[in-house]
């Protein structure tokens, strides 16, 4: 489990680990929010073309005038 440098989180996980057979691996990061933001940025980069296909100017068709039917 990846956590920030919070001592309360670390103490809680150590308490949980003492009761378990298979312990949880604890990794502490000083700047965990920066790492998460970088991961999220990569996900957004991949998903953006699929969620908004008409955002790209080359994919847009020119609008044609609408004819009125009589």
C-alpha atoms as a PDB file:
ATOM      1  CA  UNK A   1       0.000   0.000   0.000  1.00  0.00           C
ATOM      2  CA  UNK A   2       1.351   3.425  -0.914  1.00  0.00           C
ATOM      3  CA  UNK A   3       0.808   6.178   1.640  1.00  0.00           C
ATOM      4  CA  UNK A   4       2.168   9.641   2.310  1.00  0.00           C
ATOM      5  CA  UNK A   5       4.403  10.494   5.279  1.00  0.00           C
ATOM      6  CA  UNK A   6       1.500  10.616   7.730  1.00  0.00           C
ATOM      7  CA  UNK A   7       2.463   8.907  10.990  1.00  0.00           C
ATOM      8  CA  UNK A   8      -1.171   8.120  11.814  1.00  0.00           C
ATOM      9  CA  UNK A   9      -1.575   6.102   8.607  1.00  0.00           C
ATOM     10  CA  UNK A  10       1.664   4.245   9.245  1.00  0.00           C
ATOM     11  CA  UNK A  11       0.722   3.411  12.841  1.00  0.00           C
ATOM     12  CA  UNK A  12      -2.695   2.133  11.760  1.00  0.00           C
ATOM     13  CA  UNK A  13      -1.246  -0.084   9.033  1.00  0.00           C
ATOM     14  CA  UNK A  14       1.367  -1.478  11.413  1.00  0.00           C
ATOM     15  CA  UNK A  15      -1.413  -2.291  13.881  1.00  0.00           C
ATOM     16  CA  UNK A  16      -3.376  -4.060  11.131  1.00  0.00           C
ATOM     17  CA  UNK A  17      -0.237  -5.933  10.008  1.00  0.00           C
ATOM     18  CA  UNK A  18       0.335  -7.284  13.510  1.00  0.00           C
ATOM     19  CA  UNK A  19      -3.032  -9.081  13.334  1.00  0.00           C
ATOM     20  CA  UNK A  20      -2.633 -10.535   9.810  1.00  0.00           C
ATOM     21  CA  UNK A  21      -0.834 -13.639   8.577  1.00  0.00           C
ATOM     22  CA  UNK A  22       0.153 -12.044   5.271  1.00  0.00           C
ATOM     23  CA  UNK A  23       1.339  -8.512   6.030  1.00  0.00           C
ATOM     24  CA  UNK A  24       0.513  -5.522   3.863  1.00  0.00           C
ATOM     25  CA  UNK A  25       3.598  -4.060   2.182  1.00  0.00           C
ATOM     26  CA  UNK A  26       3.823  -0.385   3.127  1.00  0.00           C
ATOM     27  CA  UNK A  27       5.550   2.159   0.881  1.00  0.00           C
ATOM     28  CA  UNK A  28       5.807   5.740   2.057  1.00  0.00           C
ATOM     29  CA  UNK A  29       6.289   8.660  -0.320  1.00  0.00           C
ATOM     30  CA  UNK A  30       7.043  12.212   0.625  1.00  0.00           C
ATOM     31  CA  UNK A  31       5.122  13.647  -2.321  1.00  0.00           C
ATOM     32  CA  UNK A  32       2.443  11.025  -3.010  1.00  0.00           C
ATOM     33  CA  UNK A  33      -0.013  13.574  -4.437  1.00  0.00           C
ATOM     34  CA  UNK A  34       2.505  14.535  -7.144  1.00  0.00           C
ATOM     35  CA  UNK A  35       2.881  10.895  -8.166  1.00  0.00           C
ATOM     36  CA  UNK A  36      -0.888  10.453  -8.333  1.00  0.00           C
ATOM     37  CA  UNK A  37      -1.295  13.614 -10.415  1.00  0.00           C
ATOM     38  CA  UNK A  38       1.310  12.377 -12.885  1.00  0.00           C
ATOM     39  CA  UNK A  39      -0.514   9.050 -13.236  1.00  0.00           C
ATOM     40  CA  UNK A  40      -3.833  10.840 -13.720  1.00  0.00           C
ATOM     41  CA  UNK A  41      -2.305  13.094 -16.385  1.00  0.00           C
ATOM     42  CA  UNK A  42      -1.268  10.048 -18.443  1.00  0.00           C
ATOM     43  CA  UNK A  43      -4.743   8.545 -18.143  1.00  0.00           C
ATOM     44  CA  UNK A  44      -6.357  11.800 -19.278  1.00  0.00           C
ATOM     45  CA  UNK A  45      -4.008  11.932 -22.261  1.00  0.00           C
ATOM     46  CA  UNK A  46      -5.134   8.465 -23.361  1.00  0.00           C
ATOM     47  CA  UNK A  47      -8.853   8.965 -22.720  1.00  0.00           C
ATOM     48  CA  UNK A  48      -9.262  12.460 -24.157  1.00  0.00           C
ATOM     49  CA  UNK A  49      -9.389  11.418 -27.857  1.00  0.00           C
ATOM     50  CA  UNK A  50     -11.938   8.686 -27.154  1.00  0.00           C
ATOM     51  CA  UNK A  51     -14.260  10.792 -25.006  1.00  0.00           C
ATOM     52  CA  UNK A  52     -14.226  13.873 -27.250  1.00  0.00           C
ATOM     53  CA  UNK A  53     -13.625  12.731 -30.837  1.00  0.00           C
ATOM     54  CA  UNK A  54     -14.834  16.015 -32.366  1.00  0.00           C
ATOM     55  CA  UNK A  55     -12.491  18.184 -30.354  1.00  0.00           C
ATOM     56  CA  UNK A  56      -9.781  17.643 -32.955  1.00  0.00           C
ATOM     57  CA  UNK A  57     -10.174  20.211 -35.756  1.00  0.00           C
ATOM     58  CA  UNK A  58      -9.137  17.747 -38.462  1.00  0.00           C
ATOM     59  CA  UNK A  59     -12.024  15.444 -37.576  1.00  0.00           C
ATOM     60  CA  UNK A  60     -14.733  18.073 -37.820  1.00  0.00           C
ATOM     61  CA  UNK A  61     -16.755  18.263 -41.008  1.00  0.00           C
ATOM     62  CA  UNK A  62     -17.759  21.638 -42.367  1.00  0.00           C
ATOM     63  CA  UNK A  63     -21.358  22.443 -41.589  1.00  0.00           C
ATOM     64  CA  UNK A  64     -23.674  22.358 -44.591  1.00  0.00           C
ATOM     65  CA  UNK A  65     -26.620  24.730 -44.966  1.00  0.00           C
ATOM     66  CA  UNK A  66     -29.955  23.222 -43.987  1.00  0.00           C
ATOM     67  CA  UNK A  67     -32.531  23.156 -46.787  1.00  0.00           C
ATOM     68  CA  UNK A  68     -36.119  23.879 -45.973  1.00  0.00           C
ATOM     69  CA  UNK A  69     -38.612  21.370 -47.291  1.00  0.00           C
ATOM     70  CA  UNK A  70     -41.794  22.664 -48.944  1.00  0.00           C
END
